[in-house]
Amino acid sequence: MAIPPDVDRNLLTRIRMECMEMPDLRLTSRQASRLWNLDRTACNAILDTLIKDRFLSQTGDGAYVIASADGPLSDRIRAHHVD
């Protein structure tokens, strides 16, 4: 999937890697904004991109978590790696 122009590619990659390091992480949009020191608009753009990429999913209570993988986790990391 193409990264929207308002989303920083390096930041997106860093957030993906942080999520991979903490696979049980559950964050609300507000918590993610504070954790990654982003304003709410930028944070929501990142979260929306990660949802569209099927990297994250949103629970019924609004928390963001790593999505269930169809394949090995290493394949998902490679698929989202940005050089």
C-alpha atoms as a PDB file:
ATOM      1  CA  MET A   1       0.000   0.000   0.000  1.00  0.00           C
ATOM      2  CA  ALA A   2       1.217   3.495  -0.796  1.00  0.00           C
ATOM      3  CA  ILE A   3       2.037   5.653   2.190  1.00  0.00           C
ATOM      4  CA  PRO A   4      -0.076   8.828   2.284  1.00  0.00           C
ATOM      5  CA  PRO A   5       1.994  11.978   1.703  1.00  0.00           C
ATOM      6  CA  ASP A   6       1.194  13.327   5.171  1.00  0.00           C
ATOM      7  CA  VAL A   7       2.796  10.283   6.872  1.00  0.00           C
ATOM      8  CA  ASP A   8       6.552  10.268   7.509  1.00  0.00           C
ATOM      9  CA  ARG A   9       8.016   6.979   6.176  1.00  0.00           C
ATOM     10  CA  ASN A  10      10.816   6.816   8.746  1.00  0.00           C
ATOM     11  CA  LEU A  11       8.437   7.456  11.613  1.00  0.00           C
ATOM     12  CA  LEU A  12       6.065   4.810  10.284  1.00  0.00           C
ATOM     13  CA  THR A  13       8.904   2.277  10.129  1.00  0.00           C
ATOM     14  CA  ARG A  14      10.061   3.152  13.658  1.00  0.00           C
ATOM     15  CA  ILE A  15       6.545   2.727  15.033  1.00  0.00           C
ATOM     16  CA  ARG A  16       6.170  -0.630  13.289  1.00  0.00           C
ATOM     17  CA  MET A  17       9.442  -1.818  14.810  1.00  0.00           C
ATOM     18  CA  GLU A  18       8.443  -0.594  18.281  1.00  0.00           C
ATOM     19  CA  CYS A  19       5.168  -2.490  17.986  1.00  0.00           C
ATOM     20  CA  MET A  20       7.067  -5.614  16.970  1.00  0.00           C
ATOM     21  CA  GLU A  21       9.303  -5.262  20.034  1.00  0.00           C
ATOM     22  CA  MET A  22       6.225  -5.047  22.267  1.00  0.00           C
ATOM     23  CA  PRO A  23       3.734  -7.471  20.660  1.00  0.00           C
ATOM     24  CA  ASP A  24       1.271  -7.271  23.575  1.00  0.00           C
ATOM     25  CA  LEU A  25       1.089  -3.477  23.387  1.00  0.00           C
ATOM     26  CA  ARG A  26      -2.472  -2.091  23.494  1.00  0.00           C
ATOM     27  CA  LEU A  27      -2.840   1.631  22.985  1.00  0.00           C
ATOM     28  CA  THR A  28      -5.673   4.061  22.522  1.00  0.00           C
ATOM     29  CA  SER A  29      -5.172   6.852  20.009  1.00  0.00           C
ATOM     30  CA  ARG A  30      -4.516   9.248  22.874  1.00  0.00           C
ATOM     31  CA  GLN A  31      -1.908   6.951  24.453  1.00  0.00           C
ATOM     32  CA  ALA A  32      -0.187   6.412  21.095  1.00  0.00           C
ATOM     33  CA  SER A  33      -0.051  10.166  20.555  1.00  0.00           C
ATOM     34  CA  ARG A  34       1.691  10.639  23.913  1.00  0.00           C
ATOM     35  CA  LEU A  35       4.021   7.650  23.495  1.00  0.00           C
ATOM     36  CA  TRP A  36       5.249   8.740  20.066  1.00  0.00           C
ATOM     37  CA  ASN A  37       5.114  12.474  20.841  1.00  0.00           C
ATOM     38  CA  LEU A  38       2.749  13.202  17.942  1.00  0.00           C
ATOM     39  CA  ASP A  39      -0.144  15.587  17.641  1.00  0.00           C
ATOM     40  CA  ARG A  40      -3.501  13.831  17.361  1.00  0.00           C
ATOM     41  CA  THR A  41      -3.843  14.466  13.609  1.00  0.00           C
ATOM     42  CA  ALA A  42      -0.427  12.964  12.770  1.00  0.00           C
ATOM     43  CA  CYS A  43      -0.982  10.056  15.156  1.00  0.00           C
ATOM     44  CA  ASN A  44      -4.369   9.241  13.641  1.00  0.00           C
ATOM     45  CA  ALA A  45      -2.843   9.329  10.135  1.00  0.00           C
ATOM     46  CA  ILE A  46      -0.179   6.830  11.261  1.00  0.00           C
ATOM     47  CA  LEU A  47      -2.734   4.583  12.964  1.00  0.00           C
ATOM     48  CA  ASP A  48      -5.043   4.712   9.928  1.00  0.00           C
ATOM     49  CA  THR A  49      -2.152   3.758   7.651  1.00  0.00           C
ATOM     50  CA  LEU A  50      -1.181   0.833   9.882  1.00  0.00           C
ATOM     51  CA  ILE A  51      -4.809  -0.346   9.959  1.00  0.00           C
ATOM     52  CA  LYS A  52      -5.091  -0.126   6.163  1.00  0.00           C
ATOM     53  CA  ASP A  53      -1.835  -2.077   5.854  1.00  0.00           C
ATOM     54  CA  ARG A  54      -3.353  -4.715   8.167  1.00  0.00           C
ATOM     55  CA  PHE A  55      -0.396  -4.271  10.493  1.00  0.00           C
ATOM     56  CA  LEU A  56      -2.612  -3.087  13.359  1.00  0.00           C
ATOM     57  CA  SER A  57      -6.214  -3.773  14.177  1.00  0.00           C
ATOM     58  CA  GLN A  58      -8.600  -1.984  16.480  1.00  0.00           C
ATOM     59  CA  THR A  59     -10.398  -3.801  19.276  1.00  0.00           C
ATOM     60  CA  GLY A  60     -14.024  -3.277  20.202  1.00  0.00           C
ATOM     61  CA  ASP A  61     -12.986  -0.921  23.000  1.00  0.00           C
ATOM     62  CA  GLY A  62     -10.933   1.246  20.617  1.00  0.00           C
ATOM     63  CA  ALA A  63      -7.441  -0.017  21.478  1.00  0.00           C
ATOM     64  CA  TYR A  64      -4.890  -0.568  18.729  1.00  0.00           C
ATOM     65  CA  VAL A  65      -3.060  -3.917  18.706  1.00  0.00           C
ATOM     66  CA  ILE A  66      -0.877  -5.841  16.281  1.00  0.00           C
ATOM     67  CA  ALA A  67      -3.164  -7.581  13.810  1.00  0.00           C
ATOM     68  CA  SER A  68      -3.328 -11.341  13.565  1.00  0.00           C
ATOM     69  CA  ALA A  69      -0.878 -12.506  10.943  1.00  0.00           C
ATOM     70  CA  ASP A  70      -1.791 -14.818   8.089  1.00  0.00           C
ATOM     71  CA  GLY A  71       1.839 -15.755   7.714  1.00  0.00           C
ATOM     72  CA  PRO A  72       5.046 -15.758   9.699  1.00  0.00           C
ATOM     73  CA  LEU A  73       5.856 -12.588  11.592  1.00  0.00           C
ATOM     74  CA  SER A  74       9.167 -12.253   9.758  1.00  0.00           C
ATOM     75  CA  ASP A  75       7.262 -12.049   6.447  1.00  0.00           C
ATOM     76  CA  ARG A  76       5.178  -9.190   7.819  1.00  0.00           C
ATOM     77  CA  ILE A  77       8.317  -7.330   8.934  1.00  0.00           C
ATOM     78  CA  ARG A  78       9.941  -7.774   5.519  1.00  0.00           C
ATOM     79  CA  ALA A  79       6.779  -6.674   3.732  1.00  0.00           C
ATOM     80  CA  HIS A  80       6.787  -3.389   5.647  1.00  0.00           C
ATOM     81  CA  HIS A  81      10.520  -2.693   5.685  1.00  0.00           C
ATOM     82  CA  VAL A  82      11.487   0.692   4.273  1.00  0.00           C
ATOM     83  CA  ASP A  83      15.064   1.173   3.061  1.00  0.00           C
END
